[in-house]
PDB file of N, CA and C in Angstrom:
ATOM      1  N   MET A   1     -10.830  37.902  94.334  1.00  0.00           N
ATOM      2  CA  MET A   1     -11.988  38.549  93.694  1.00  0.00           C
ATOM      3  C   MET A   1     -13.175  38.871  94.425  1.00  0.00           C
ATOM      4  N   THR A   2     -13.559  39.905  94.139  1.00  0.00           N
ATOM      5  CA  THR A   2     -14.726  40.369  94.862  1.00  0.00           C
ATOM      6  C   THR A   2     -16.227  39.720  94.263  1.00  0.00           C
ATOM      7  N   THR A   3     -17.084  39.712  95.212  1.00  0.00           N
ATOM      8  CA  THR A   3     -18.408  39.026  94.525  1.00  0.00           C
ATOM      9  C   THR A   3     -19.032  40.012  93.673  1.00  0.00           C
ATOM     10  N   GLY A   4     -19.778  39.447  92.576  1.00  0.00           N
ATOM     11  CA  GLY A   4     -20.516  40.470  91.601  1.00  0.00           C
ATOM     12  C   GLY A   4     -20.547  39.716  90.473  1.00  0.00           C
ATOM     13  N   TRP A   5     -21.025  40.300  89.485  1.00  0.00           N
ATOM     14  CA  TRP A   5     -21.015  39.505  88.013  1.00  0.00           C
ATOM     15  C   TRP A   5     -19.951  40.099  87.088  1.00  0.00           C
ATOM     16  N   TYR A   6     -19.361  38.962  86.243  1.00  0.00           N
ATOM     17  CA  TYR A   6     -18.420  39.075  85.492  1.00  0.00           C
ATOM     18  C   TYR A   6     -18.786  38.286  83.893  1.00  0.00           C
ATOM     19  N   VAL A   7     -18.315  38.969  82.950  1.00  0.00           N
ATOM     20  CA  VAL A   7     -18.184  38.539  81.759  1.00  0.00           C
ATOM     21  C   VAL A   7     -16.862  38.206  81.386  1.00  0.00           C
ATOM     22  N   TYR A   8     -16.704  37.009  80.650  1.00  0.00           N
ATOM     23  CA  TYR A   8     -15.269  36.549  80.362  1.00  0.00           C
ATOM     24  C   TYR A   8     -15.427  35.972  78.812  1.00  0.00           C
ATOM     25  N   LEU A   9     -14.068  35.928  78.241  1.00  0.00           N
ATOM     26  CA  LEU A   9     -13.947  35.116  77.196  1.00  0.00           C
ATOM     27  C   LEU A   9     -12.711  34.255  77.651  1.00  0.00           C
ATOM     28  N   ALA A  10     -12.842  33.008  77.191  1.00  0.00           N
ATOM     29  CA  ALA A  10     -11.819  32.063  77.618  1.00  0.00           C
ATOM     30  C   ALA A  10     -11.119  31.459  76.239  1.00  0.00           C
ATOM     31  N   GLN A  11      -9.969  31.372  75.928  1.00  0.00           N
ATOM     32  CA  GLN A  11      -9.404  30.650  74.681  1.00  0.00           C
ATOM     33  C   GLN A  11      -9.081  29.318  75.031  1.00  0.00           C
ATOM     34  N   CYS A  12      -9.740  28.601  74.031  1.00  0.00           N
ATOM     35  CA  CYS A  12      -9.398  27.144  74.148  1.00  0.00           C
ATOM     36  C   CYS A  12      -7.990  26.702  73.443  1.00  0.00           C
ATOM     37  N   ARG A  13      -7.841  25.366  73.812  1.00  0.00           N
ATOM     38  CA  ARG A  13      -6.687  24.835  73.150  1.00  0.00           C
ATOM     39  C   ARG A  13      -6.641  24.967  71.500  1.00  0.00           C
ATOM     40  N   ASP A  14      -7.757  25.087  70.931  1.00  0.00           N
ATOM     41  CA  ASP A  14      -7.651  24.932  69.445  1.00  0.00           C
ATOM     42  C   ASP A  14      -7.687  26.552  68.983  1.00  0.00           C
ATOM     43  N   GLY A  15      -7.643  27.426  69.989  1.00  0.00           N
ATOM     44  CA  GLY A  15      -7.641  28.939  69.663  1.00  0.00           C
ATOM     45  C   GLY A  15      -8.848  29.352  69.649  1.00  0.00           C
ATOM     46  N   SER A  16     -10.077  28.726  69.583  1.00  0.00           N
ATOM     47  CA  SER A  16     -11.169  29.443  69.636  1.00  0.00           C
ATOM     48  C   SER A  16     -11.696  30.160  70.866  1.00  0.00           C
ATOM     49  N   LEU A  17     -12.553  30.928  70.865  1.00  0.00           N
ATOM     50  CA  LEU A  17     -12.937  31.706  72.164  1.00  0.00           C
ATOM     51  C   LEU A  17     -14.342  31.295  72.521  1.00  0.00           C
ATOM     52  N   TYR A  18     -14.467  31.126  73.814  1.00  0.00           N
ATOM     53  CA  TYR A  18     -15.881  30.908  74.337  1.00  0.00           C
ATOM     54  C   TYR A  18     -16.017  31.832  75.384  1.00  0.00           C
ATOM     55  N   GLY A  19     -17.255  32.659  75.375  1.00  0.00           N
ATOM     56  CA  GLY A  19     -17.721  33.540  76.111  1.00  0.00           C
ATOM     57  C   GLY A  19     -18.580  33.260  77.203  1.00  0.00           C
ATOM     58  N   GLY A  20     -18.571  33.640  78.390  1.00  0.00           N
ATOM     59  CA  GLY A  20     -19.637  33.366  79.457  1.00  0.00           C
ATOM     60  C   GLY A  20     -19.896  34.589  80.465  1.00  0.00           C
ATOM     61  N   ALA A  21     -20.854  34.297  81.480  1.00  0.00           N
ATOM     62  CA  ALA A  21     -20.950  34.920  82.725  1.00  0.00           C
ATOM     63  C   ALA A  21     -20.824  34.233  83.986  1.00  0.00           C
ATOM     64  N   THR A  22     -20.315  34.928  84.947  1.00  0.00           N
ATOM     65  CA  THR A  22     -20.110  34.078  86.137  1.00  0.00           C
ATOM     66  C   THR A  22     -20.036  35.006  87.372  1.00  0.00           C
ATOM     67  N   THR A  23     -20.214  34.736  88.632  1.00  0.00           N
ATOM     68  CA  THR A  23     -19.968  35.395  89.799  1.00  0.00           C
ATOM     69  C   THR A  23     -18.457  35.129  90.178  1.00  0.00           C
ATOM     70  N   ASN A  24     -18.103  33.995  89.709  1.00  0.00           N
ATOM     71  CA  ASN A  24     -16.634  33.714  90.332  1.00  0.00           C
ATOM     72  C   ASN A  24     -15.833  33.202  88.824  1.00  0.00           C
ATOM     73  N   PRO A  25     -15.044  33.969  88.457  1.00  0.00           N
ATOM     74  CA  PRO A  25     -14.203  33.588  87.116  1.00  0.00           C
ATOM     75  C   PRO A  25     -12.971  32.561  87.364  1.00  0.00           C
ATOM     76  N   GLU A  26     -12.573  32.471  88.460  1.00  0.00           N
ATOM     77  CA  GLU A  26     -11.459  31.409  88.704  1.00  0.00           C
ATOM     78  C   GLU A  26     -12.158  30.211  89.000  1.00  0.00           C
ATOM     79  N   ARG A  27     -13.178  29.925  89.710  1.00  0.00           N
ATOM     80  CA  ARG A  27     -13.962  28.693  89.729  1.00  0.00           C
ATOM     81  C   ARG A  27     -14.493  28.365  88.383  1.00  0.00           C
ATOM     82  N   ARG A  28     -14.988  29.309  87.654  1.00  0.00           N
ATOM     83  CA  ARG A  28     -15.665  28.912  86.481  1.00  0.00           C
ATOM     84  C   ARG A  28     -14.782  28.280  85.379  1.00  0.00           C
ATOM     85  N   ILE A  29     -13.399  28.849  85.460  1.00  0.00           N
ATOM     86  CA  ILE A  29     -12.445  28.324  84.535  1.00  0.00           C
ATOM     87  C   ILE A  29     -11.756  27.150  84.995  1.00  0.00           C
ATOM     88  N   ALA A  30     -11.843  26.856  86.005  1.00  0.00           N
ATOM     89  CA  ALA A  30     -11.440  25.723  86.836  1.00  0.00           C
ATOM     90  C   ALA A  30     -12.368  24.444  86.499  1.00  0.00           C
ATOM     91  N   THR A  31     -13.716  25.097  86.480  1.00  0.00           N
ATOM     92  CA  THR A  31     -14.923  24.050  86.332  1.00  0.00           C
ATOM     93  C   THR A  31     -14.920  23.658  84.774  1.00  0.00           C
ATOM     94  N   HIS A  32     -14.390  24.601  83.709  1.00  0.00           N
ATOM     95  CA  HIS A  32     -14.298  24.333  82.371  1.00  0.00           C
ATOM     96  C   HIS A  32     -13.007  23.265  82.158  1.00  0.00           C
ATOM     97  N   ASN A  33     -12.066  23.455  83.114  1.00  0.00           N
ATOM     98  CA  ASN A  33     -10.839  22.677  82.663  1.00  0.00           C
ATOM     99  C   ASN A  33     -10.940  21.225  83.371  1.00  0.00           C
ATOM    100  N   ARG A  34     -11.999  21.031  84.219  1.00  0.00           N
ATOM    101  CA  ARG A  34     -12.434  19.764  84.976  1.00  0.00           C
ATOM    102  C   ARG A  34     -13.025  19.219  83.917  1.00  0.00           C
ATOM    103  N   GLY A  35     -13.449  19.785  82.497  1.00  0.00           N
ATOM    104  CA  GLY A  35     -14.649  19.060  81.820  1.00  0.00           C
ATOM    105  C   GLY A  35     -15.928  19.178  82.438  1.00  0.00           C
ATOM    106  N   ARG A  36     -16.206  19.878  83.141  1.00  0.00           N
ATOM    107  CA  ARG A  36     -17.692  20.140  83.686  1.00  0.00           C
ATOM    108  C   ARG A  36     -18.105  21.660  83.353  1.00  0.00           C
ATOM    109  N   GLY A  37     -17.563  22.137  82.301  1.00  0.00           N
ATOM    110  CA  GLY A  37     -18.223  23.671  82.166  1.00  0.00           C
ATOM    111  C   GLY A  37     -19.226  23.418  80.776  1.00  0.00           C
ATOM    112  N   ALA A  38     -19.166  24.202  79.982  1.00  0.00           N
ATOM    113  CA  ALA A  38     -20.018  24.132  78.876  1.00  0.00           C
ATOM    114  C   ALA A  38     -19.559  22.904  77.833  1.00  0.00           C
ATOM    115  N   ALA A  39     -20.605  22.389  77.132  1.00  0.00           N
ATOM    116  CA  ALA A  39     -20.181  21.156  76.061  1.00  0.00           C
ATOM    117  C   ALA A  39     -19.155  21.752  74.920  1.00  0.00           C
ATOM    118  N   TYR A  40     -19.314  23.041  74.876  1.00  0.00           N
ATOM    119  CA  TYR A  40     -18.433  23.608  73.968  1.00  0.00           C
ATOM    120  C   TYR A  40     -16.908  23.297  74.127  1.00  0.00           C
ATOM    121  N   THR A  41     -16.482  23.669  75.653  1.00  0.00           N
ATOM    122  CA  THR A  41     -15.191  23.477  75.691  1.00  0.00           C
ATOM    123  C   THR A  41     -14.855  22.213  76.149  1.00  0.00           C
ATOM    124  N   ARG A  42     -15.498  21.149  76.307  1.00  0.00           N
ATOM    125  CA  ARG A  42     -14.997  19.831  76.987  1.00  0.00           C
ATOM    126  C   ARG A  42     -14.060  19.233  76.071  1.00  0.00           C
ATOM    127  N   SER A  43     -14.313  19.573  74.633  1.00  0.00           N
ATOM    128  CA  SER A  43     -13.318  18.681  73.865  1.00  0.00           C
ATOM    129  C   SER A  43     -12.104  19.729  73.345  1.00  0.00           C
ATOM    130  N   ARG A  44     -11.948  20.941  74.003  1.00  0.00           N
ATOM    131  CA  ARG A  44     -11.197  21.825  73.520  1.00  0.00           C
ATOM    132  C   ARG A  44     -10.133  22.352  75.170  1.00  0.00           C
ATOM    133  N   LEU A  45     -10.162  21.543  75.783  1.00  0.00           N
ATOM    134  CA  LEU A  45      -9.317  21.788  77.052  1.00  0.00           C
ATOM    135  C   LEU A  45      -7.798  21.728  76.586  1.00  0.00           C
ATOM    136  N   PRO A  46      -6.944  22.571  77.460  1.00  0.00           N
ATOM    137  CA  PRO A  46      -7.576  23.433  78.620  1.00  0.00           C
ATOM    138  C   PRO A  46      -7.871  24.809  77.977  1.00  0.00           C
ATOM    139  N   VAL A  47      -8.777  25.411  78.857  1.00  0.00           N
ATOM    140  CA  VAL A  47      -9.032  26.849  78.566  1.00  0.00           C
ATOM    141  C   VAL A  47      -8.363  27.946  79.164  1.00  0.00           C
ATOM    142  N   THR A  48      -8.126  29.107  78.848  1.00  0.00           N
ATOM    143  CA  THR A  48      -7.287  30.057  79.787  1.00  0.00           C
ATOM    144  C   THR A  48      -8.121  31.483  79.829  1.00  0.00           C
ATOM    145  N   LEU A  49      -8.419  31.874  80.694  1.00  0.00           N
ATOM    146  CA  LEU A  49      -8.807  33.341  80.736  1.00  0.00           C
ATOM    147  C   LEU A  49      -8.296  34.329  80.045  1.00  0.00           C
ATOM    148  N   VAL A  50      -8.867  35.072  79.055  1.00  0.00           N
ATOM    149  CA  VAL A  50      -8.211  36.130  78.389  1.00  0.00           C
ATOM    150  C   VAL A  50      -8.731  37.419  78.258  1.00  0.00           C
ATOM    151  N   TYR A  51     -10.062  37.326  78.719  1.00  0.00           N
ATOM    152  CA  TYR A  51     -10.695  38.528  79.070  1.00  0.00           C
ATOM    153  C   TYR A  51     -11.640  38.709  80.166  1.00  0.00           C
ATOM    154  N   LEU A  52     -11.761  39.745  80.960  1.00  0.00           N
ATOM    155  CA  LEU A  52     -12.668  39.647  82.066  1.00  0.00           C
ATOM    156  C   LEU A  52     -13.172  41.123  82.044  1.00  0.00           C
ATOM    157  N   GLU A  53     -14.309  41.278  82.422  1.00  0.00           N
ATOM    158  CA  GLU A  53     -15.270  42.483  82.404  1.00  0.00           C
ATOM    159  C   GLU A  53     -16.120  42.464  83.398  1.00  0.00           C
ATOM    160  N   PRO A  54     -16.133  43.402  84.548  1.00  0.00           N
ATOM    161  CA  PRO A  54     -17.294  43.237  85.419  1.00  0.00           C
ATOM    162  C   PRO A  54     -18.507  44.031  84.977  1.00  0.00           C
ATOM    163  N   ALA A  55     -19.679  43.282  85.429  1.00  0.00           N
ATOM    164  CA  ALA A  55     -20.812  43.885  85.211  1.00  0.00           C
ATOM    165  C   ALA A  55     -21.823  44.160  86.373  1.00  0.00           C
ATOM    166  N   ALA A  56     -22.800  45.085  86.458  1.00  0.00           N
ATOM    167  CA  ALA A  56     -23.513  45.482  87.297  1.00  0.00           C
ATOM    168  C   ALA A  56     -24.322  44.448  88.092  1.00  0.00           C
ATOM    169  N   ASP A  57     -24.951  43.546  87.461  1.00  0.00           N
ATOM    170  CA  ASP A  57     -25.793  42.640  87.947  1.00  0.00           C
ATOM    171  C   ASP A  57     -25.742  41.418  86.958  1.00  0.00           C
ATOM    172  N   ARG A  58     -26.612  40.571  87.354  1.00  0.00           N
ATOM    173  CA  ARG A  58     -26.769  39.389  86.507  1.00  0.00           C
ATOM    174  C   ARG A  58     -27.561  39.533  85.164  1.00  0.00           C
ATOM    175  N   SER A  59     -28.458  40.555  85.047  1.00  0.00           N
ATOM    176  CA  SER A  59     -29.271  40.846  83.973  1.00  0.00           C
ATOM    177  C   SER A  59     -28.025  41.551  82.816  1.00  0.00           C
ATOM    178  N   SER A  60     -27.385  42.282  83.483  1.00  0.00           N
ATOM    179  CA  SER A  60     -26.316  43.119  82.621  1.00  0.00           C
ATOM    180  C   SER A  60     -25.359  42.166  82.136  1.00  0.00           C
ATOM    181  N   ALA A  61     -24.935  41.338  82.925  1.00  0.00           N
ATOM    182  CA  ALA A  61     -23.929  40.188  82.563  1.00  0.00           C
ATOM    183  C   ALA A  61     -24.374  39.422  81.400  1.00  0.00           C
ATOM    184  N   LEU A  62     -25.599  38.987  81.536  1.00  0.00           N
ATOM    185  CA  LEU A  62     -26.207  38.142  80.405  1.00  0.00           C
ATOM    186  C   LEU A  62     -26.425  38.915  79.005  1.00  0.00           C
ATOM    187  N   ARG A  63     -26.707  40.353  79.325  1.00  0.00           N
ATOM    188  CA  ARG A  63     -26.708  40.945  77.888  1.00  0.00           C
ATOM    189  C   ARG A  63     -25.526  41.322  77.591  1.00  0.00           C
ATOM    190  N   ARG A  64     -24.548  41.367  78.119  1.00  0.00           N
ATOM    191  CA  ARG A  64     -23.168  41.758  77.543  1.00  0.00           C
ATOM    192  C   ARG A  64     -22.596  40.335  76.967  1.00  0.00           C
ATOM    193  N   GLU A  65     -22.670  39.232  77.802  1.00  0.00           N
ATOM    194  CA  GLU A  65     -22.371  37.953  77.248  1.00  0.00           C
ATOM    195  C   GLU A  65     -23.084  37.661  75.794  1.00  0.00           C
ATOM    196  N   ALA A  66     -24.320  38.048  75.757  1.00  0.00           N
ATOM    197  CA  ALA A  66     -25.031  37.702  74.435  1.00  0.00           C
ATOM    198  C   ALA A  66     -24.162  38.829  73.462  1.00  0.00           C
ATOM    199  N   ALA A  67     -23.884  39.974  73.628  1.00  0.00           N
ATOM    200  CA  ALA A  67     -23.464  40.879  72.946  1.00  0.00           C
ATOM    201  C   ALA A  67     -21.926  40.532  72.406  1.00  0.00           C
ATOM    202  N   LEU A  68     -21.253  39.990  73.366  1.00  0.00           N
ATOM    203  CA  LEU A  68     -20.034  39.430  72.965  1.00  0.00           C
ATOM    204  C   LEU A  68     -20.081  38.122  72.039  1.00  0.00           C
ATOM    205  N   LYS A  69     -20.854  37.274  71.981  1.00  0.00           N
ATOM    206  CA  LYS A  69     -21.010  36.013  71.302  1.00  0.00           C
ATOM    207  C   LYS A  69     -21.489  36.702  69.808  1.00  0.00           C
ATOM    208  N   ARG A  70     -22.228  37.623  69.645  1.00  0.00           N
ATOM    209  CA  ARG A  70     -22.467  38.193  68.451  1.00  0.00           C
ATOM    210  C   ARG A  70     -21.289  39.049  67.588  1.00  0.00           C
ATOM    211  N   MET A  71     -20.092  39.102  68.537  1.00  0.00           N
ATOM    212  CA  MET A  71     -19.225  40.096  67.824  1.00  0.00           C
ATOM    213  C   MET A  71     -18.383  38.917  66.866  1.00  0.00           C
ATOM    214  N   THR A  72     -17.837  39.329  65.977  1.00  0.00           N
ATOM    215  CA  THR A  72     -16.627  38.565  65.145  1.00  0.00           C
ATOM    216  C   THR A  72     -15.568  38.229  66.116  1.00  0.00           C
ATOM    217  N   ARG A  73     -14.955  37.251  65.557  1.00  0.00           N
ATOM    218  CA  ARG A  73     -13.742  36.940  66.069  1.00  0.00           C
ATOM    219  C   ARG A  73     -12.783  38.127  66.082  1.00  0.00           C
ATOM    220  N   ALA A  74     -12.612  38.675  65.160  1.00  0.00           N
ATOM    221  CA  ALA A  74     -11.589  39.926  65.031  1.00  0.00           C
ATOM    222  C   ALA A  74     -12.146  41.115  65.817  1.00  0.00           C
ATOM    223  N   ALA A  75     -13.067  40.969  66.063  1.00  0.00           N
ATOM    224  CA  ALA A  75     -13.590  42.216  67.157  1.00  0.00           C
ATOM    225  C   ALA A  75     -13.322  41.727  68.572  1.00  0.00           C
ATOM    226  N   LYS A  76     -13.486  40.565  68.766  1.00  0.00           N
ATOM    227  CA  LYS A  76     -13.135  39.894  70.020  1.00  0.00           C
ATOM    228  C   LYS A  76     -11.701  39.842  70.302  1.00  0.00           C
ATOM    229  N   LEU A  77     -10.755  39.670  69.454  1.00  0.00           N
ATOM    230  CA  LEU A  77      -9.331  39.703  69.637  1.00  0.00           C
ATOM    231  C   LEU A  77      -9.034  41.144  69.888  1.00  0.00           C
ATOM    232  N   LYS A  78      -9.464  42.174  69.147  1.00  0.00           N
ATOM    233  CA  LYS A  78      -9.228  43.494  69.486  1.00  0.00           C
ATOM    234  C   LYS A  78      -9.568  43.881  70.824  1.00  0.00           C
ATOM    235  N   LEU A  79     -10.742  43.545  71.295  1.00  0.00           N
ATOM    236  CA  LEU A  79     -11.079  43.732  72.638  1.00  0.00           C
ATOM    237  C   LEU A  79     -10.317  43.136  73.826  1.00  0.00           C
ATOM    238  N   ILE A  80      -9.890  42.118  73.391  1.00  0.00           N
ATOM    239  CA  ILE A  80      -8.765  41.171  74.375  1.00  0.00           C
ATOM    240  C   ILE A  80      -7.609  42.001  74.429  1.00  0.00           C
ATOM    241  N   LYS A  81      -7.227  42.315  73.348  1.00  0.00           N
ATOM    242  CA  LYS A  81      -5.841  43.265  73.288  1.00  0.00           C
ATOM    243  C   LYS A  81      -6.255  44.440  73.993  1.00  0.00           C
ATOM    244  N   LYS A  82      -7.008  45.179  73.956  1.00  0.00           N
ATOM    245  CA  LYS A  82      -7.213  46.380  74.331  1.00  0.00           C
ATOM    246  C   LYS A  82      -7.413  46.287  76.029  1.00  0.00           C
ATOM    247  N   ARG A  83      -7.945  45.210  76.398  1.00  0.00           N
ATOM    248  CA  ARG A  83      -8.404  45.202  78.022  1.00  0.00           C
ATOM    249  C   ARG A  83      -8.346  43.623  78.147  1.00  0.00           C
ATOM    250  N   ALA A  84      -7.055  43.330  78.359  1.00  0.00           N
ATOM    251  CA  ALA A  84      -6.616  42.001  78.971  1.00  0.00           C
ATOM    252  C   ALA A  84      -6.810  41.968  80.616  1.00  0.00           C
ATOM    253  N   PRO A  85      -6.983  40.849  80.914  1.00  0.00           N
ATOM    254  CA  PRO A  85      -7.229  40.726  82.415  1.00  0.00           C
ATOM    255  C   PRO A  85      -6.016  41.425  83.358  1.00  0.00           C
ATOM    256  N   ARG A  86      -6.320  42.210  84.359  1.00  0.00           N
ATOM    257  CA  ARG A  86      -5.286  42.604  85.216  1.00  0.00           C
ATOM    258  C   ARG A  86      -4.409  41.795  85.876  1.00  0.00           C
ATOM    259  N   ARG A  87      -5.051  40.657  86.108  1.00  0.00           N
ATOM    260  CA  ARG A  87      -4.264  39.603  86.911  1.00  0.00           C
ATOM    261  C   ARG A  87      -3.616  38.496  85.783  1.00  0.00           C
ATOM    262  N   ALA A  88      -2.770  37.665  86.254  1.00  0.00           N
ATOM    263  CA  ALA A  88      -2.185  36.730  85.437  1.00  0.00           C
ATOM    264  C   ALA A  88      -3.410  35.693  85.003  1.00  0.00           C
ATOM    265  N   PRO A  89      -3.135  35.241  83.733  1.00  0.00           N
ATOM    266  CA  PRO A  89      -4.266  34.249  83.321  1.00  0.00           C
ATOM    267  C   PRO A  89      -4.373  33.143  84.271  1.00  0.00           C
ATOM    268  N   PHE A  90      -5.293  32.516  84.394  1.00  0.00           N
ATOM    269  CA  PHE A  90      -5.445  31.080  85.319  1.00  0.00           C
ATOM    270  C   PHE A  90      -6.127  30.061  84.518  1.00  0.00           C
ATOM    271  N   ARG A  91      -5.682  29.052  84.810  1.00  0.00           N
ATOM    272  CA  ARG A  91      -6.175  27.904  84.253  1.00  0.00           C
ATOM    273  C   ARG A  91      -7.174  26.768  85.210  1.00  0.00           C
TER     274      ARG A  91
END
């Protein structure tokens, strides 16, 4: 994976969705799955990457993350279906 910023959605074991921004999606998902990620995901492990979107820079990534978090679940699922990760999901 190239360096740069990404916005992601991860699906938790309970089916809930968690959004974040990172420079290394594989490492971030692994961190979540070790219980070292966000408090939200710690009790909902494992998490799987279901959506990945590149961002121009940190500021853009954080703005997009905030926008994703304001979206309804239905809108997020539609986005996931429309633009799933190009690679196989990793845990």
